[in-house]
Amino acid sequence: MTKIQIDLDIEEDKTVEIYKLVNNLKTKQEAIKKMIKYFKAEVKPKNLKEKDYFEV
């Protein structure tokens, strides 16, 4: 399991709250888990050189 901390601004928090209510979810965490399925993300380290990161 991975835990990610997300700082939401007021508008983002409202969006998550509305999604939670519309989909009858119990927590904002559940809402965010379902919402992220609609997005594509690429995770890359920003403080490492690419050649060091991908070396085996």
N, C-alpha and C. Protein backbone atom coordinates (compact mmCIF):
# COMPACT_ATOMS: atom_id res chain seq x y z
N MET A 1 0.84 -1.17 0.00
CA MET A 1 0.00 0.00 0.00
C MET A 1 0.89 1.23 0.00
N THR A 2 0.49 2.21 -0.75
CA THR A 2 1.21 3.47 -0.81
C THR A 2 0.31 4.57 -0.28
N LYS A 3 0.87 5.42 0.53
CA LYS A 3 0.10 6.56 1.03
C LYS A 3 0.65 7.81 0.39
N ILE A 4 -0.25 8.65 -0.08
CA ILE A 4 0.12 9.90 -0.71
C ILE A 4 -0.63 11.02 -0.01
N GLN A 5 0.09 12.05 0.35
CA GLN A 5 -0.54 13.21 0.98
C GLN A 5 -0.81 14.25 -0.10
N ILE A 6 -2.04 14.71 -0.18
CA ILE A 6 -2.43 15.69 -1.19
C ILE A 6 -2.96 16.92 -0.48
N ASP A 7 -2.39 18.07 -0.82
CA ASP A 7 -2.88 19.33 -0.29
C ASP A 7 -3.85 19.93 -1.30
N LEU A 8 -5.11 20.00 -0.94
CA LEU A 8 -6.13 20.53 -1.83
C LEU A 8 -6.42 21.98 -1.49
N ASP A 9 -6.60 22.79 -2.53
CA ASP A 9 -7.04 24.16 -2.26
C ASP A 9 -8.56 24.12 -2.05
N ILE A 10 -9.15 25.24 -1.80
CA ILE A 10 -10.58 25.28 -1.45
C ILE A 10 -11.45 24.74 -2.58
N GLU A 11 -11.16 25.12 -3.82
CA GLU A 11 -11.96 24.66 -4.95
C GLU A 11 -11.82 23.15 -5.17
N GLU A 12 -10.61 22.64 -5.04
CA GLU A 12 -10.39 21.20 -5.20
C GLU A 12 -11.10 20.43 -4.10
N ASP A 13 -11.05 20.95 -2.89
CA ASP A 13 -11.72 20.30 -1.76
C ASP A 13 -13.23 20.24 -1.99
N LYS A 14 -13.79 21.31 -2.52
CA LYS A 14 -15.23 21.34 -2.83
C LYS A 14 -15.58 20.31 -3.89
N THR A 15 -14.73 20.19 -4.91
CA THR A 15 -14.96 19.23 -5.98
C THR A 15 -14.96 17.80 -5.44
N VAL A 16 -14.00 17.49 -4.58
CA VAL A 16 -13.93 16.16 -3.98
C VAL A 16 -15.14 15.90 -3.09
N GLU A 17 -15.54 16.90 -2.34
CA GLU A 17 -16.71 16.76 -1.45
C GLU A 17 -17.98 16.50 -2.26
N ILE A 18 -18.16 17.22 -3.36
CA ILE A 18 -19.34 17.01 -4.20
C ILE A 18 -19.32 15.62 -4.82
N TYR A 19 -18.15 15.18 -5.31
CA TYR A 19 -18.03 13.84 -5.88
C TYR A 19 -18.38 12.79 -4.83
N LYS A 20 -17.93 13.02 -3.60
CA LYS A 20 -18.21 12.09 -2.51
C LYS A 20 -19.72 11.99 -2.26
N LEU A 21 -20.39 13.13 -2.22
CA LEU A 21 -21.82 13.14 -1.94
C LEU A 21 -22.64 12.53 -3.08
N VAL A 22 -22.28 12.86 -4.31
CA VAL A 22 -23.02 12.37 -5.47
C VAL A 22 -22.91 10.85 -5.59
N ASN A 23 -21.76 10.31 -5.23
CA ASN A 23 -21.54 8.87 -5.37
C ASN A 23 -21.75 8.10 -4.08
N ASN A 24 -22.35 8.73 -3.08
CA ASN A 24 -22.66 8.09 -1.80
C ASN A 24 -21.47 7.40 -1.15
N LEU A 25 -20.34 8.10 -1.13
CA LEU A 25 -19.13 7.57 -0.51
C LEU A 25 -19.02 8.09 0.92
N LYS A 26 -18.29 7.38 1.75
CA LYS A 26 -18.20 7.74 3.16
C LYS A 26 -17.09 8.75 3.45
N THR A 27 -16.00 8.70 2.70
CA THR A 27 -14.87 9.58 2.99
C THR A 27 -14.35 10.23 1.71
N LYS A 28 -13.62 11.33 1.91
CA LYS A 28 -12.97 11.99 0.78
C LYS A 28 -11.88 11.11 0.21
N GLN A 29 -11.28 10.29 1.04
CA GLN A 29 -10.24 9.37 0.58
C GLN A 29 -10.81 8.42 -0.46
N GLU A 30 -11.99 7.88 -0.21
CA GLU A 30 -12.64 7.00 -1.17
C GLU A 30 -12.94 7.76 -2.46
N ALA A 31 -13.38 8.99 -2.34
CA ALA A 31 -13.70 9.81 -3.52
C ALA A 31 -12.45 10.03 -4.37
N ILE A 32 -11.35 10.37 -3.74
CA ILE A 32 -10.11 10.61 -4.47
C ILE A 32 -9.64 9.33 -5.15
N LYS A 33 -9.75 8.20 -4.47
CA LYS A 33 -9.34 6.93 -5.07
C LYS A 33 -10.13 6.65 -6.35
N LYS A 34 -11.42 6.94 -6.34
CA LYS A 34 -12.24 6.70 -7.53
C LYS A 34 -11.96 7.76 -8.61
N MET A 35 -11.70 8.99 -8.20
CA MET A 35 -11.47 10.07 -9.15
C MET A 35 -10.17 9.88 -9.93
N ILE A 36 -9.14 9.37 -9.30
CA ILE A 36 -7.85 9.27 -9.98
C ILE A 36 -7.85 8.22 -11.09
N LYS A 37 -8.84 7.38 -11.12
CA LYS A 37 -8.92 6.39 -12.20
C LYS A 37 -9.19 7.05 -13.54
N TYR A 38 -9.65 8.30 -13.54
CA TYR A 38 -9.96 9.01 -14.77
C TYR A 38 -8.78 9.79 -15.32
N PHE A 39 -7.63 9.77 -14.65
CA PHE A 39 -6.48 10.56 -15.06
C PHE A 39 -5.29 9.67 -15.37
N LYS A 40 -4.42 10.16 -16.23
CA LYS A 40 -3.19 9.47 -16.57
C LYS A 40 -2.05 10.31 -16.01
N ALA A 41 -1.15 9.67 -15.30
CA ALA A 41 -0.05 10.41 -14.68
C ALA A 41 1.26 9.68 -14.93
N GLU A 42 2.32 10.45 -14.98
CA GLU A 42 3.66 9.90 -15.12
C GLU A 42 4.47 10.39 -13.93
N VAL A 43 5.10 9.48 -13.24
CA VAL A 43 5.86 9.83 -12.05
C VAL A 43 7.34 9.69 -12.36
N LYS A 44 8.06 10.79 -12.18
CA LYS A 44 9.51 10.79 -12.40
C LYS A 44 10.16 11.53 -11.24
N PRO A 45 11.30 11.07 -10.80
CA PRO A 45 12.01 11.80 -9.75
C PRO A 45 12.54 13.11 -10.30
N LYS A 46 12.52 14.16 -9.49
CA LYS A 46 13.00 15.44 -9.99
C LYS A 46 14.40 15.77 -9.52
N ASN A 47 14.91 15.10 -8.52
CA ASN A 47 16.24 15.41 -7.99
C ASN A 47 17.31 14.40 -8.38
N LEU A 48 16.95 13.42 -9.19
CA LEU A 48 17.92 12.42 -9.65
C LEU A 48 18.15 12.59 -11.14
N LYS A 49 19.34 12.27 -11.57
CA LYS A 49 19.60 12.26 -13.00
C LYS A 49 18.93 11.03 -13.59
N GLU A 50 18.36 11.18 -14.76
CA GLU A 50 17.59 10.09 -15.37
C GLU A 50 18.44 8.83 -15.53
N LYS A 51 19.72 8.98 -15.90
CA LYS A 51 20.55 7.79 -16.09
C LYS A 51 20.77 7.04 -14.79
N ASP A 52 20.88 7.76 -13.66
CA ASP A 52 21.06 7.11 -12.35
C ASP A 52 19.79 6.38 -11.92
N TYR A 53 18.65 6.97 -12.21
CA TYR A 53 17.38 6.41 -11.77
C TYR A 53 17.05 5.10 -12.50
N PHE A 54 17.36 5.03 -13.79
CA PHE A 54 16.99 3.87 -14.57
C PHE A 54 18.09 2.81 -14.66
N GLU A 55 19.20 3.04 -13.99
CA GLU A 55 20.27 2.04 -13.99
C GLU A 55 19.88 0.83 -13.16
N VAL A 56 20.27 -0.36 -13.63
CA VAL A 56 19.93 -1.59 -12.91
C VAL A 56 21.17 -2.18 -12.28
